[in-house]
Amino acid sequence: MARKLKLDGPPLPKHRSQKPHWDYNAEVQAFSNRLNESFSLELLKTAFVNPCYLQAELARRQGLGLDVDTTALHLKDNVELNIKGVGFTSSFLADFCRTSFPKLPSEAVESLISHLTSSAVVTQVARNLGIEDLTMSGDFPIPEEVLHATFMAVVGALLESSGAERAGLFVRDFLGTQLIGKDLFDMWTVVNPMGVLVEELTKMNVPPPEPRLVRAAGASTVLPLYFVGLYSDKTLLAQAPGETTIAAEEEAARVVLRKIYGYAENRTPIDFCRPRPEQPLTQSVSS
């Protein structure tokens, strides 16, 4: 067996539904109970049906010579739920980010939303929730765009089943928490941080920053290190290291911007325990 496995390679991956001891209806019910959400089971089942699955199943039946009319699929795809889920998720995350970080500019908020709704983040969350095993797709392994659409359809199904408040809590708990441990400038690309800092300080009636070399080490080696400090009116705003003075200056500007925008490393953590009273969860729908 070991020699055969070495020659043939590992077996091709199979969808969970093709393995023994699989009851789809029971798994869908268990998914709802596991999340402690009151889904409409019909809507939840619809959320897992992607258009590519219906097309692939129809082509398979035609290939077997079956009459399409007599063996029609009585299934509805998740396109409508996906659209509702995408709209609600984007709107809710916009309110959530503005409430959590009120000093962030609109460009930064849009970048945070783009990161939280990106395929990489959404598909990782979907896999951790077990959505991949329930997704009905025409291809396997399931493409990321299909898994992304399925997750958004699940949000749409929860919105239709339990309302905006429960759907908002779901999005907050599983997507909003992905901001934990993420740096602002890993999600928001700023080409000229010093220019942005000058604009922000001008709005605050603070003199523009002056970069000064604080200290350096290994300047004549292949791994030099420079510390640049930014001063304004003889006050040190921040200092940061870099392999060049320009890189250190830009990093110091980012440090100051994090402080201005309330996204510093030592900031107060976001409270995920309860909704914020000044920002109702239903505002994203009513606005």
Foldseek 3Di string as FASTA:
>chain_A
DVVVCVVVPDDDDDFPVPDPPDDLLVVLVVLCVVVVAQFDSLLLLQLQAAPQLQVLVLVVCVVVVHDCVVPPDPGHHLPVLLVQLVLLLLLLQLLVVCVVFVLDDPLLSVLLSCVLLPLVLQLVLCVVSVSQSNHRHSDPVPDSVSSSSSSSSNLSRRCVRPNQQVSSLVSCVRRVVVCPPDASCVRRPDPQLLVVLQVVCVVVVWARWDKDWPDWPPPVHPQIKTKIFIDTPNHTQFIAMDSDSVVRVSVRSSQNVCVSRQNHPPHDDDDSPDDDPVRRSCVSVVD
